[in-house]
Amino acid sequence: MGKVKPENEWKFKCANTGKAIKRKKRYYRNGKYFITKAAWQDQVKKDAEAKAKTDAEAAPAAKA
């Protein structure tokens, strides 16, 4: 009997899309795995927009 290979050897999910990453090559940036470089850049853009939004909401509260 040979070795039994697990069903999904690479149990990683893209931090941006949530899709399963099944291939050996993964795009790893900032402690997270992404499907492609474009998915990583999209996540960076989303994070920057979210940070700008929270900063904008916090600014009026700081003035009061």
Protein backbone atom coordinates (compact mmCIF):
# COMPACT_ATOMS: atom_id res chain seq x y z
CA MET A 1 0.00 0.00 0.00
CA GLY A 2 1.24 3.44 -0.92
CA LYS A 3 0.96 6.62 1.00
CA VAL A 4 -2.45 8.26 1.00
CA LYS A 5 -2.33 11.87 -0.17
CA PRO A 6 -4.60 14.29 1.67
CA GLU A 7 -7.57 15.67 -0.26
CA ASN A 8 -6.39 19.25 -0.20
CA GLU A 9 -2.71 19.48 0.55
CA TRP A 10 -2.70 23.30 0.50
CA LYS A 11 -5.42 24.49 2.84
CA PHE A 12 -4.88 28.20 2.31
CA LYS A 13 -7.50 30.78 1.43
CA CYS A 14 -6.94 34.11 -0.26
CA ALA A 15 -7.23 36.90 2.30
CA ASN A 16 -8.95 39.11 -0.27
CA THR A 17 -11.32 36.80 -2.14
CA GLY A 18 -11.62 33.85 0.23
CA LYS A 19 -10.99 31.39 -2.59
CA ALA A 20 -9.01 28.25 -1.84
CA ILE A 21 -5.41 28.31 -3.00
CA LYS A 22 -4.57 24.83 -4.24
CA ARG A 23 -1.29 25.31 -6.05
CA LYS A 24 2.11 25.22 -4.43
CA LYS A 25 3.01 28.76 -5.44
CA ARG A 26 1.20 31.28 -3.30
CA TYR A 27 1.53 35.03 -3.07
CA TYR A 28 2.46 35.78 0.55
CA ARG A 29 2.53 39.37 1.76
CA ASN A 30 2.17 40.95 5.20
CA GLY A 31 1.41 37.65 6.92
CA LYS A 32 -1.44 36.68 4.58
CA TYR A 33 -1.78 34.51 1.49
CA PHE A 34 -3.23 35.80 -1.77
CA ILE A 35 -4.08 34.14 -5.09
CA THR A 36 -2.25 36.72 -7.20
CA LYS A 37 -0.40 39.99 -6.94
CA ALA A 38 -3.53 41.76 -8.21
CA ALA A 39 -5.56 40.31 -5.33
CA TRP A 40 -2.94 41.57 -2.89
CA GLN A 41 -2.94 45.06 -4.40
CA ASP A 42 -6.74 45.13 -4.29
CA GLN A 43 -6.62 44.26 -0.57
CA VAL A 44 -4.04 47.01 0.06
CA LYS A 45 -6.35 49.50 -1.67
CA LYS A 46 -9.34 48.36 0.42
CA ASP A 47 -7.31 48.66 3.63
CA ALA A 48 -6.19 52.19 2.72
CA GLU A 49 -9.77 53.26 1.96
CA ALA A 50 -11.01 51.79 5.25
CA LYS A 51 -8.24 53.57 7.17
CA ALA A 52 -9.07 56.88 5.47
CA LYS A 53 -12.74 56.42 6.32
CA THR A 54 -12.05 55.74 10.00
CA ASP A 55 -9.65 58.71 10.14
CA ALA A 56 -12.32 60.95 8.60
CA GLU A 57 -14.88 59.79 11.17
CA ALA A 58 -12.44 60.29 14.04
CA ALA A 59 -11.40 63.81 12.96
CA PRO A 60 -14.74 65.56 13.77
CA ALA A 61 -14.88 63.80 17.14
CA ALA A 62 -11.42 65.11 17.99
CA LYS A 63 -12.40 68.71 17.23
CA ALA A 64 -15.46 68.63 19.50
